[in-house]
Every structure is written in structure tokens, then in C-alpha cells.
């Protein structure tokens, strides 16, 4: 579990399925995804992510506000292993409830997640989205990620164009080195 100034990023429990399913059924949250997700699809995703945590010791975290304990969505790192030009890689991602938008939570959680991954000895992380997803692209840039159009690709599921952002440990350390970006709780 990671804590930041305002967030708790923790592994999934079965109790998280309901709020996650509500987010995945919200057209605003899923605007840049191929479709909304059913409750069954959300439950399956949680089970997959729980297995990912068991295998790797990290994954897309449940994001909760520290002040209220409210589930606000998903933030974190995960192994990106499906067929794509840059795989395997560690991907940082986020998907937040609209009530959490505009507060800097995605940037705070993504920055802490990047620091955690680099502290584990990894040298690079990536993030990806569709070209029109300006809010996520802005988060990627605030975290210090860079975009090279030659890295853009067609998603292997559905063939939709995606942009790829990268961040290496040296660039991240130059930007954020010495800051306490998270605390590791057991």
C-alpha cells in the first residue's frame, strides 16, 4: 500500500467491485474506452488485478481519498504484456470517478506510482491513451513523460490509434529527486 499527501493506493478487495463497476458503467469515465463495462466484466477485471498483485507485488491500485476513505478509482502501475510494439513494459494508468476530477489526484497518484516503480529498480515506464484524451495526456506530461510520435501505435484489440508516452528513471529523478512522493505501508 502506498500513501501520498492525499491518497491511499492499495490492493483490491472484493468490496471494491461495486464502486469500480459504477465507474465502469459511467459514460463520462469511459469516454475514451471502447465501451462501458458490465458488472461481470468489472468483477473479472478486479480478479485479474488481484492475481497481478499476487504475482508481481504491485498493480493498478484502488485509489482512496485519505480524508474521507472514498473510493475514487484506479491509479497505478501494471505490467503491460499484451502484443504491442513496446511490450513488455510497466504501464502507469488511472481511471477516476468524476467527483475526483480536477483535483490533481491522477497526477499525485501517478507520480507516486512512478517513484515506487523506479525505487524497485525499473528503468522506464510508459502510459498510453487515444490521441483525443487530452486530460490523460496532460497528466502524463505533468508526471514528466514525453511523447515521440514515432512510438504511436494501433491498439492490438480493435486497432484504434494510441499515443505512447515514456518516462525513464533519470529524467524522473532529475525532475522529482529528493521529494518524498509516497510512503510504503505494509
C-alpha atoms as a PDB file:
ATOM      1  CA  UNK A   1       0.000   0.000   0.000  1.00  0.00           C
ATOM      2  CA  UNK A   2       1.255   3.480  -0.868  1.00  0.00           C
ATOM      3  CA  UNK A   3       0.141   6.689   0.756  1.00  0.00           C
ATOM      4  CA  UNK A   4       0.649  10.143  -0.648  1.00  0.00           C
ATOM      5  CA  UNK A   5      -0.277  13.503   0.771  1.00  0.00           C
ATOM      6  CA  UNK A   6      -3.975  12.947  -0.034  1.00  0.00           C
ATOM      7  CA  UNK A   7      -4.333   9.376  -1.307  1.00  0.00           C
ATOM      8  CA  UNK A   8      -4.128   5.766  -0.232  1.00  0.00           C
ATOM      9  CA  UNK A   9      -3.223   3.419  -3.095  1.00  0.00           C
ATOM     10  CA  UNK A  10      -3.905  -0.159  -2.092  1.00  0.00           C
ATOM     11  CA  UNK A  11      -4.585  -3.650  -3.456  1.00  0.00           C
ATOM     12  CA  UNK A  12      -8.091  -4.710  -4.433  1.00  0.00           C
ATOM     13  CA  UNK A  13     -10.680  -6.483  -2.295  1.00  0.00           C
ATOM     14  CA  UNK A  14     -13.993  -7.942  -3.389  1.00  0.00           C
ATOM     15  CA  UNK A  15     -15.720  -4.962  -1.719  1.00  0.00           C
ATOM     16  CA  UNK A  16     -14.208  -2.735  -4.409  1.00  0.00           C
ATOM     17  CA  UNK A  17     -16.149  -4.422  -7.222  1.00  0.00           C
ATOM     18  CA  UNK A  18     -19.322  -2.357  -6.724  1.00  0.00           C
ATOM     19  CA  UNK A  19     -17.762   1.134  -6.835  1.00  0.00           C
ATOM     20  CA  UNK A  20     -15.471   0.034  -9.671  1.00  0.00           C
ATOM     21  CA  UNK A  21     -18.469  -1.296 -11.619  1.00  0.00           C
ATOM     22  CA  UNK A  22     -20.298   2.034 -11.109  1.00  0.00           C
ATOM     23  CA  UNK A  23     -17.314   3.899 -12.550  1.00  0.00           C
ATOM     24  CA  UNK A  24     -17.068   1.498 -15.497  1.00  0.00           C
ATOM     25  CA  UNK A  25     -20.775   1.992 -16.264  1.00  0.00           C
ATOM     26  CA  UNK A  26     -20.407   5.809 -16.334  1.00  0.00           C
ATOM     27  CA  UNK A  27     -20.111   7.187 -19.894  1.00  0.00           C
ATOM     28  CA  UNK A  28     -18.040  10.128 -18.616  1.00  0.00           C
ATOM     29  CA  UNK A  29     -15.438   7.828 -17.052  1.00  0.00           C
ATOM     30  CA  UNK A  30     -15.355   5.522 -20.067  1.00  0.00           C
ATOM     31  CA  UNK A  31     -15.426   8.229 -22.746  1.00  0.00           C
ATOM     32  CA  UNK A  32     -12.052   7.207 -24.188  1.00  0.00           C
ATOM     33  CA  UNK A  33     -12.524   3.443 -23.799  1.00  0.00           C
ATOM     34  CA  UNK A  34     -14.114   1.256 -26.493  1.00  0.00           C
ATOM     35  CA  UNK A  35     -17.260   0.631 -24.429  1.00  0.00           C
ATOM     36  CA  UNK A  36     -18.820   0.671 -20.981  1.00  0.00           C
ATOM     37  CA  UNK A  37     -18.170  -2.367 -18.807  1.00  0.00           C
ATOM     38  CA  UNK A  38     -20.786  -4.578 -17.185  1.00  0.00           C
ATOM     39  CA  UNK A  39     -20.632  -5.533 -13.529  1.00  0.00           C
ATOM     40  CA  UNK A  40     -19.420  -9.006 -14.559  1.00  0.00           C
ATOM     41  CA  UNK A  41     -16.622  -7.503 -16.664  1.00  0.00           C
ATOM     42  CA  UNK A  42     -15.655  -5.240 -13.771  1.00  0.00           C
ATOM     43  CA  UNK A  43     -15.599  -8.189 -11.340  1.00  0.00           C
ATOM     44  CA  UNK A  44     -13.444 -10.192 -13.754  1.00  0.00           C
ATOM     45  CA  UNK A  45     -11.032  -7.244 -14.066  1.00  0.00           C
ATOM     46  CA  UNK A  46     -10.732  -6.968 -10.281  1.00  0.00           C
ATOM     47  CA  UNK A  47      -9.968 -10.695 -10.066  1.00  0.00           C
ATOM     48  CA  UNK A  48      -7.308 -10.331 -12.790  1.00  0.00           C
ATOM     49  CA  UNK A  49      -5.746  -7.386 -10.958  1.00  0.00           C
ATOM     50  CA  UNK A  50      -5.767  -9.292  -7.651  1.00  0.00           C
ATOM     51  CA  UNK A  51      -3.804 -12.097  -9.363  1.00  0.00           C
ATOM     52  CA  UNK A  52      -1.421  -9.495 -10.820  1.00  0.00           C
ATOM     53  CA  UNK A  53      -0.722  -8.183  -7.296  1.00  0.00           C
ATOM     54  CA  UNK A  54      -0.034 -11.707  -6.066  1.00  0.00           C
ATOM     55  CA  UNK A  55       2.350 -12.404  -8.926  1.00  0.00           C
ATOM     56  CA  UNK A  56       4.250  -9.084  -9.107  1.00  0.00           C
ATOM     57  CA  UNK A  57       3.706  -7.363  -5.759  1.00  0.00           C
ATOM     58  CA  UNK A  58       2.154  -4.316  -7.436  1.00  0.00           C
ATOM     59  CA  UNK A  59      -0.537  -3.431  -9.937  1.00  0.00           C
ATOM     60  CA  UNK A  60      -3.286  -0.965 -10.681  1.00  0.00           C
ATOM     61  CA  UNK A  61      -4.190   0.228  -7.180  1.00  0.00           C
ATOM     62  CA  UNK A  62      -7.516   1.176  -5.669  1.00  0.00           C
ATOM     63  CA  UNK A  63      -7.291   4.937  -5.117  1.00  0.00           C
ATOM     64  CA  UNK A  64      -8.959   6.262  -1.963  1.00  0.00           C
ATOM     65  CA  UNK A  65      -9.003   9.743  -0.508  1.00  0.00           C
ATOM     66  CA  UNK A  66      -7.188   9.821   2.823  1.00  0.00           C
ATOM     67  CA  UNK A  67      -9.527  12.422   4.297  1.00  0.00           C
ATOM     68  CA  UNK A  68     -12.770  10.543   3.566  1.00  0.00           C
ATOM     69  CA  UNK A  69     -11.795   6.977   2.642  1.00  0.00           C
ATOM     70  CA  UNK A  70     -13.860   7.415  -0.542  1.00  0.00           C
ATOM     71  CA  UNK A  71     -13.096   5.062  -3.448  1.00  0.00           C
ATOM     72  CA  UNK A  72     -12.204   7.420  -6.294  1.00  0.00           C
ATOM     73  CA  UNK A  73     -10.977   4.922  -8.857  1.00  0.00           C
ATOM     74  CA  UNK A  74      -7.818   3.297 -10.138  1.00  0.00           C
ATOM     75  CA  UNK A  75      -4.250   4.618 -10.232  1.00  0.00           C
ATOM     76  CA  UNK A  76      -1.025   2.721 -10.549  1.00  0.00           C
ATOM     77  CA  UNK A  77       1.495   0.615 -12.386  1.00  0.00           C
ATOM     78  CA  UNK A  78       0.932  -2.691 -14.122  1.00  0.00           C
ATOM     79  CA  UNK A  79       2.872  -4.980 -16.408  1.00  0.00           C
ATOM     80  CA  UNK A  80       1.812  -4.318 -19.965  1.00  0.00           C
ATOM     81  CA  UNK A  81       2.390  -7.635 -21.650  1.00  0.00           C
ATOM     82  CA  UNK A  82      -0.132  -7.880 -24.470  1.00  0.00           C
ATOM     83  CA  UNK A  83       1.098  -7.620 -28.022  1.00  0.00           C
ATOM     84  CA  UNK A  84       2.252  -4.090 -28.742  1.00  0.00           C
ATOM     85  CA  UNK A  85       5.461  -2.640 -30.163  1.00  0.00           C
ATOM     86  CA  UNK A  86       6.823  -1.602 -26.748  1.00  0.00           C
ATOM     87  CA  UNK A  87       5.849  -4.642 -24.644  1.00  0.00           C
ATOM     88  CA  UNK A  88       6.771  -5.904 -22.208  1.00  0.00           C
ATOM     89  CA  UNK A  89       6.743  -2.692 -20.209  1.00  0.00           C
ATOM     90  CA  UNK A  90       5.407  -1.252 -16.984  1.00  0.00           C
ATOM     91  CA  UNK A  91       2.422   0.960 -17.691  1.00  0.00           C
ATOM     92  CA  UNK A  92       1.107   3.670 -15.402  1.00  0.00           C
ATOM     93  CA  UNK A  93      -2.629   4.244 -15.666  1.00  0.00           C
ATOM     94  CA  UNK A  94      -5.599   5.883 -13.969  1.00  0.00           C
ATOM     95  CA  UNK A  95      -9.379   5.935 -14.208  1.00  0.00           C
ATOM     96  CA  UNK A  96     -11.129   8.198 -11.721  1.00  0.00           C
ATOM     97  CA  UNK A  97     -14.687   8.929 -10.689  1.00  0.00           C
ATOM     98  CA  UNK A  98     -15.870  12.331 -11.980  1.00  0.00           C
ATOM     99  CA  UNK A  99     -16.216  13.574  -8.380  1.00  0.00           C
ATOM    100  CA  UNK A 100     -12.400  13.337  -8.169  1.00  0.00           C
ATOM    101  CA  UNK A 101     -11.626  15.120 -11.436  1.00  0.00           C
ATOM    102  CA  UNK A 102      -9.797  18.442 -11.401  1.00  0.00           C
ATOM    103  CA  UNK A 103      -8.136  17.940  -8.020  1.00  0.00           C
ATOM    104  CA  UNK A 104      -4.725  16.685  -9.141  1.00  0.00           C
ATOM    105  CA  UNK A 105      -5.357  13.183  -7.777  1.00  0.00           C
ATOM    106  CA  UNK A 106      -4.356  11.420 -11.018  1.00  0.00           C
ATOM    107  CA  UNK A 107      -1.073  13.354 -11.174  1.00  0.00           C
ATOM    108  CA  UNK A 108      -0.348  12.775  -7.476  1.00  0.00           C
ATOM    109  CA  UNK A 109      -1.058   9.055  -7.677  1.00  0.00           C
ATOM    110  CA  UNK A 110       0.737   8.545 -10.985  1.00  0.00           C
ATOM    111  CA  UNK A 111       3.818  10.393  -9.745  1.00  0.00           C
ATOM    112  CA  UNK A 112       3.901   8.289  -6.563  1.00  0.00           C
ATOM    113  CA  UNK A 113       3.414   5.125  -8.633  1.00  0.00           C
ATOM    114  CA  UNK A 114       6.295   6.098 -10.923  1.00  0.00           C
ATOM    115  CA  UNK A 115       8.528   6.765  -7.915  1.00  0.00           C
ATOM    116  CA  UNK A 116       7.580   3.385  -6.455  1.00  0.00           C
ATOM    117  CA  UNK A 117       8.412   1.565  -9.713  1.00  0.00           C
ATOM    118  CA  UNK A 118      11.743   3.347 -10.078  1.00  0.00           C
ATOM    119  CA  UNK A 119      12.533   2.581  -6.426  1.00  0.00           C
ATOM    120  CA  UNK A 120      12.001  -1.105  -7.303  1.00  0.00           C
ATOM    121  CA  UNK A 121      14.860  -0.840  -9.814  1.00  0.00           C
ATOM    122  CA  UNK A 122      12.943  -0.476 -13.069  1.00  0.00           C
ATOM    123  CA  UNK A 123      14.342   1.939 -15.645  1.00  0.00           C
ATOM    124  CA  UNK A 124      11.296   3.017 -17.669  1.00  0.00           C
ATOM    125  CA  UNK A 125       7.535   3.318 -17.504  1.00  0.00           C
ATOM    126  CA  UNK A 126       5.014   4.017 -20.229  1.00  0.00           C
ATOM    127  CA  UNK A 127       1.480   5.375 -20.451  1.00  0.00           C
ATOM    128  CA  UNK A 128      -0.901   5.159 -23.360  1.00  0.00           C
ATOM    129  CA  UNK A 129      -4.224   6.550 -24.476  1.00  0.00           C
ATOM    130  CA  UNK A 130      -6.165   7.543 -27.561  1.00  0.00           C
ATOM    131  CA  UNK A 131      -4.956  10.775 -29.203  1.00  0.00           C
ATOM    132  CA  UNK A 132      -8.086  12.768 -28.227  1.00  0.00           C
ATOM    133  CA  UNK A 133      -7.779  12.068 -24.492  1.00  0.00           C
ATOM    134  CA  UNK A 134      -6.352  15.484 -23.610  1.00  0.00           C
ATOM    135  CA  UNK A 135      -6.939  15.144 -19.832  1.00  0.00           C
ATOM    136  CA  UNK A 136      -4.863  11.951 -19.563  1.00  0.00           C
ATOM    137  CA  UNK A 137      -2.198  13.324 -21.872  1.00  0.00           C
ATOM    138  CA  UNK A 138      -1.931  16.370 -19.592  1.00  0.00           C
ATOM    139  CA  UNK A 139      -1.405  14.086 -16.569  1.00  0.00           C
ATOM    140  CA  UNK A 140       1.325  12.216 -18.462  1.00  0.00           C
ATOM    141  CA  UNK A 141       3.086  15.488 -19.169  1.00  0.00           C
ATOM    142  CA  UNK A 142       2.764  16.706 -15.557  1.00  0.00           C
ATOM    143  CA  UNK A 143       4.387  13.455 -14.409  1.00  0.00           C
ATOM    144  CA  UNK A 144       7.267  14.274 -16.781  1.00  0.00           C
ATOM    145  CA  UNK A 145       6.528  11.778 -19.532  1.00  0.00           C
ATOM    146  CA  UNK A 146       7.451  12.561 -23.124  1.00  0.00           C
ATOM    147  CA  UNK A 147       5.729  11.705 -26.375  1.00  0.00           C
ATOM    148  CA  UNK A 148       7.502  10.713 -29.578  1.00  0.00           C
ATOM    149  CA  UNK A 149       5.002  10.328 -32.444  1.00  0.00           C
ATOM    150  CA  UNK A 150       7.141   7.521 -33.889  1.00  0.00           C
ATOM    151  CA  UNK A 151       6.081   5.415 -30.844  1.00  0.00           C
ATOM    152  CA  UNK A 152       2.357   5.764 -31.596  1.00  0.00           C
ATOM    153  CA  UNK A 153       0.646   2.503 -32.490  1.00  0.00           C
ATOM    154  CA  UNK A 154      -2.611   0.777 -33.313  1.00  0.00           C
ATOM    155  CA  UNK A 155      -4.037  -0.981 -30.271  1.00  0.00           C
ATOM    156  CA  UNK A 156      -3.931  -4.754 -30.847  1.00  0.00           C
ATOM    157  CA  UNK A 157      -7.536  -5.090 -29.667  1.00  0.00           C
ATOM    158  CA  UNK A 158      -9.738  -3.127 -32.047  1.00  0.00           C
ATOM    159  CA  UNK A 159      -6.954  -1.399 -33.967  1.00  0.00           C
ATOM    160  CA  UNK A 160      -7.667   2.072 -32.557  1.00  0.00           C
ATOM    161  CA  UNK A 161      -4.780   4.597 -32.793  1.00  0.00           C
ATOM    162  CA  UNK A 162      -2.971   5.186 -29.488  1.00  0.00           C
ATOM    163  CA  UNK A 163      -0.259   7.560 -28.356  1.00  0.00           C
ATOM    164  CA  UNK A 164       2.582   6.321 -26.188  1.00  0.00           C
ATOM    165  CA  UNK A 165       4.360   8.374 -23.546  1.00  0.00           C
ATOM    166  CA  UNK A 166       7.603   7.285 -21.886  1.00  0.00           C
ATOM    167  CA  UNK A 167       9.474   8.216 -18.734  1.00  0.00           C
ATOM    168  CA  UNK A 168      12.904   6.970 -17.772  1.00  0.00           C
ATOM    169  CA  UNK A 169      14.295   6.869 -14.273  1.00  0.00           C
ATOM    170  CA  UNK A 170      16.983   9.502 -14.934  1.00  0.00           C
ATOM    171  CA  UNK A 171      14.515  12.071 -16.246  1.00  0.00           C
ATOM    172  CA  UNK A 172      12.152  11.363 -13.360  1.00  0.00           C
ATOM    173  CA  UNK A 173      14.945  11.651 -10.784  1.00  0.00           C
ATOM    174  CA  UNK A 174      16.098  14.932 -12.323  1.00  0.00           C
ATOM    175  CA  UNK A 175      12.571  16.288 -12.010  1.00  0.00           C
ATOM    176  CA  UNK A 176      11.417  14.855  -8.668  1.00  0.00           C
ATOM    177  CA  UNK A 177      14.585  13.583  -6.941  1.00  0.00           C
ATOM    178  CA  UNK A 178      14.724  14.156  -3.219  1.00  0.00           C
ATOM    179  CA  UNK A 179      10.970  14.660  -2.808  1.00  0.00           C
ATOM    180  CA  UNK A 180       9.023  12.345  -0.561  1.00  0.00           C
ATOM    181  CA  UNK A 181       6.335  11.269  -3.056  1.00  0.00           C
ATOM    182  CA  UNK A 182       4.899   8.327  -1.149  1.00  0.00           C
ATOM    183  CA  UNK A 183       5.116   6.260   1.991  1.00  0.00           C
ATOM    184  CA  UNK A 184       5.092   2.493   1.776  1.00  0.00           C
ATOM    185  CA  UNK A 185       2.681   0.883   4.244  1.00  0.00           C
ATOM    186  CA  UNK A 186       2.516  -2.835   4.894  1.00  0.00           C
END
